[in-house]
């Protein structure tokens, strides 16, 4: 017969701990992807502003 008592909830506890670990990993992944997307958007804005300033310089520099 099984040596485990009827109130043994070790399997459930380990499942909950694993779910909590996976939740933390998921939130870290979401944070990393969001941060990278934010950096990419800032980069695109900087490039667009640089192009706009360059175009304005060309227009002003024309004789």
N, C-alpha and C. Protein backbone atom coordinates (compact mmCIF):
# COMPACT_ATOMS: atom_id res chain seq x y z
N UNK A 1 0.83 -1.19 0.00
CA UNK A 1 0.00 0.00 0.00
C UNK A 1 0.88 1.25 0.00
N UNK A 2 0.28 2.32 -0.31
CA UNK A 2 0.98 3.58 -0.42
C UNK A 2 1.29 4.13 0.97
N UNK A 3 2.50 4.68 1.17
CA UNK A 3 2.89 5.22 2.46
C UNK A 3 2.43 6.65 2.68
N UNK A 4 1.82 7.23 1.69
CA UNK A 4 1.40 8.63 1.80
C UNK A 4 0.07 8.73 2.51
N UNK A 5 -0.05 9.73 3.34
CA UNK A 5 -1.29 9.94 4.08
C UNK A 5 -2.32 10.62 3.20
N UNK A 6 -3.55 10.59 3.63
CA UNK A 6 -4.63 11.17 2.83
C UNK A 6 -4.53 12.68 2.75
N UNK A 7 -3.82 13.32 3.66
CA UNK A 7 -3.70 14.78 3.65
C UNK A 7 -2.39 15.25 3.00
N UNK A 8 -1.66 14.34 2.40
CA UNK A 8 -0.41 14.71 1.73
C UNK A 8 -0.72 15.49 0.45
N UNK A 9 -0.29 16.72 0.42
CA UNK A 9 -0.53 17.55 -0.76
C UNK A 9 0.80 17.98 -1.40
N UNK A 10 1.80 17.13 -1.32
CA UNK A 10 3.11 17.44 -1.88
C UNK A 10 3.06 17.66 -3.38
N UNK A 11 2.28 16.85 -4.08
CA UNK A 11 2.18 17.02 -5.53
C UNK A 11 1.57 18.36 -5.90
N UNK A 12 0.56 18.75 -5.17
CA UNK A 12 -0.08 20.04 -5.45
C UNK A 12 0.84 21.20 -5.12
N UNK A 13 1.58 21.06 -4.02
CA UNK A 13 2.50 22.12 -3.64
C UNK A 13 3.60 22.29 -4.68
N UNK A 14 4.14 21.20 -5.15
CA UNK A 14 5.19 21.31 -6.17
C UNK A 14 4.63 21.87 -7.48
N UNK A 15 3.40 21.53 -7.80
CA UNK A 15 2.78 22.08 -9.01
C UNK A 15 2.58 23.59 -8.88
N UNK A 16 2.18 24.03 -7.70
CA UNK A 16 2.00 25.47 -7.47
C UNK A 16 3.34 26.19 -7.55
N UNK A 17 4.37 25.61 -6.97
CA UNK A 17 5.69 26.24 -7.02
C UNK A 17 6.20 26.34 -8.46
N UNK A 18 5.98 25.28 -9.23
CA UNK A 18 6.40 25.31 -10.64
C UNK A 18 5.61 26.36 -11.41
N UNK A 19 4.32 26.47 -11.14
CA UNK A 19 3.51 27.48 -11.82
C UNK A 19 3.97 28.88 -11.45
N UNK A 20 4.34 29.09 -10.20
CA UNK A 20 4.83 30.41 -9.79
C UNK A 20 6.16 30.73 -10.46
N UNK A 21 7.04 29.73 -10.59
CA UNK A 21 8.31 29.95 -11.29
C UNK A 21 8.07 30.31 -12.75
N UNK A 22 7.18 29.60 -13.40
CA UNK A 22 6.89 29.87 -14.80
C UNK A 22 6.24 31.24 -14.97
N UNK A 23 5.44 31.64 -14.00
CA UNK A 23 4.82 32.97 -14.06
C UNK A 23 5.90 34.04 -13.98
N UNK A 24 6.88 33.85 -13.07
CA UNK A 24 7.96 34.83 -12.97
C UNK A 24 8.77 34.89 -14.26
N UNK A 25 9.05 33.73 -14.85
CA UNK A 25 9.79 33.70 -16.11
C UNK A 25 8.99 34.40 -17.20
N UNK A 26 7.70 34.16 -17.24
CA UNK A 26 6.84 34.81 -18.23
C UNK A 26 6.84 36.32 -18.11
N UNK A 27 6.72 36.81 -16.86
CA UNK A 27 6.71 38.25 -16.67
C UNK A 27 8.06 38.87 -17.02
N UNK A 28 9.15 38.15 -16.73
CA UNK A 28 10.47 38.66 -17.12
C UNK A 28 10.58 38.74 -18.64
N UNK A 29 10.07 37.75 -19.34
CA UNK A 29 10.10 37.76 -20.81
C UNK A 29 9.26 38.90 -21.36
N UNK A 30 8.08 39.09 -20.77
CA UNK A 30 7.22 40.19 -21.22
C UNK A 30 7.91 41.53 -21.00
N UNK A 31 8.55 41.70 -19.85
CA UNK A 31 9.27 42.94 -19.56
C UNK A 31 10.43 43.17 -20.52
N UNK A 32 11.16 42.10 -20.83
CA UNK A 32 12.30 42.24 -21.74
C UNK A 32 11.84 42.62 -23.15
N UNK A 33 10.81 41.96 -23.63
CA UNK A 33 10.30 42.27 -24.98
C UNK A 33 9.75 43.68 -25.03
N UNK A 34 9.04 44.08 -23.99
CA UNK A 34 8.50 45.45 -23.95
C UNK A 34 9.62 46.47 -23.94
N UNK A 35 10.66 46.21 -23.17
CA UNK A 35 11.80 47.12 -23.13
C UNK A 35 12.49 47.22 -24.48
N UNK A 36 12.68 46.08 -25.14
CA UNK A 36 13.31 46.11 -26.46
C UNK A 36 12.46 46.84 -27.48
N UNK A 37 11.15 46.64 -27.41
CA UNK A 37 10.27 47.37 -28.33
C UNK A 37 10.32 48.87 -28.06
N UNK A 38 10.39 49.25 -26.80
CA UNK A 38 10.51 50.67 -26.45
C UNK A 38 11.78 51.27 -26.99
N UNK A 39 12.88 50.54 -26.86
CA UNK A 39 14.16 51.03 -27.39
C UNK A 39 14.09 51.14 -28.91
N UNK A 40 13.45 50.19 -29.57
CA UNK A 40 13.31 50.24 -31.03
C UNK A 40 12.49 51.45 -31.46
N UNK A 41 11.41 51.73 -30.75
CA UNK A 41 10.57 52.89 -31.08
C UNK A 41 11.35 54.18 -30.89
N UNK A 42 12.10 54.27 -29.82
CA UNK A 42 12.92 55.47 -29.59
C UNK A 42 13.95 55.62 -30.71
N UNK A 43 14.54 54.52 -31.14
CA UNK A 43 15.51 54.56 -32.25
C UNK A 43 14.88 55.05 -33.53
N UNK A 44 13.68 54.57 -33.84
CA UNK A 44 12.98 55.01 -35.05
C UNK A 44 12.67 56.49 -34.98
N UNK A 45 12.24 56.97 -33.83
CA UNK A 45 11.93 58.40 -33.68
C UNK A 45 13.20 59.23 -33.87
N UNK A 46 14.30 58.78 -33.31
CA UNK A 46 15.56 59.53 -33.46
C UNK A 46 15.98 59.58 -34.93
N UNK A 47 15.88 58.46 -35.63
CA UNK A 47 16.25 58.44 -37.05
C UNK A 47 15.33 59.36 -37.86
N UNK A 48 14.03 59.33 -37.58
CA UNK A 48 13.10 60.20 -38.30
C UNK A 48 13.41 61.68 -38.03
N UNK A 49 13.72 62.01 -36.80
CA UNK A 49 14.08 63.39 -36.49
C UNK A 49 15.37 63.80 -37.18
N UNK A 50 16.33 62.90 -37.24
CA UNK A 50 17.59 63.20 -37.93
C UNK A 50 17.34 63.43 -39.41
N UNK A 51 16.50 62.62 -40.02
CA UNK A 51 16.17 62.80 -41.44
C UNK A 51 15.45 64.13 -41.65
N UNK A 52 14.53 64.48 -40.76
CA UNK A 52 13.81 65.75 -40.90
C UNK A 52 14.75 66.93 -40.77
N UNK A 53 15.68 66.88 -39.82
CA UNK A 53 16.66 67.97 -39.66
C UNK A 53 17.56 68.04 -40.90
N UNK A 54 17.98 66.91 -41.43
CA UNK A 54 18.82 66.91 -42.63
C UNK A 54 18.07 67.49 -43.82
N UNK A 55 16.81 67.14 -43.97
CA UNK A 55 16.02 67.69 -45.07
C UNK A 55 15.83 69.20 -44.91
N UNK A 56 15.58 69.64 -43.69
CA UNK A 56 15.44 71.07 -43.45
C UNK A 56 16.74 71.80 -43.75
N UNK A 57 17.86 71.19 -43.40
CA UNK A 57 19.16 71.80 -43.70
C UNK A 57 19.38 71.92 -45.20
N UNK A 58 18.99 70.88 -45.95
CA UNK A 58 19.16 70.92 -47.41
C UNK A 58 18.28 72.03 -47.99
N UNK A 59 17.06 72.16 -47.50
CA UNK A 59 16.17 73.19 -48.03
C UNK A 59 16.68 74.59 -47.70
N UNK A 60 17.18 74.78 -46.50
CA UNK A 60 17.69 76.10 -46.11
C UNK A 60 19.01 76.41 -46.84
N UNK A 61 19.81 75.41 -47.10
CA UNK A 61 21.13 75.63 -47.73
C UNK A 61 21.02 75.86 -49.23
N UNK A 62 19.86 75.61 -49.85
CA UNK A 62 19.73 75.83 -51.28
C UNK A 62 19.81 77.32 -51.59
N UNK A 63 20.53 77.64 -52.68
CA UNK A 63 20.62 79.07 -53.05
C UNK A 63 19.39 79.59 -53.75
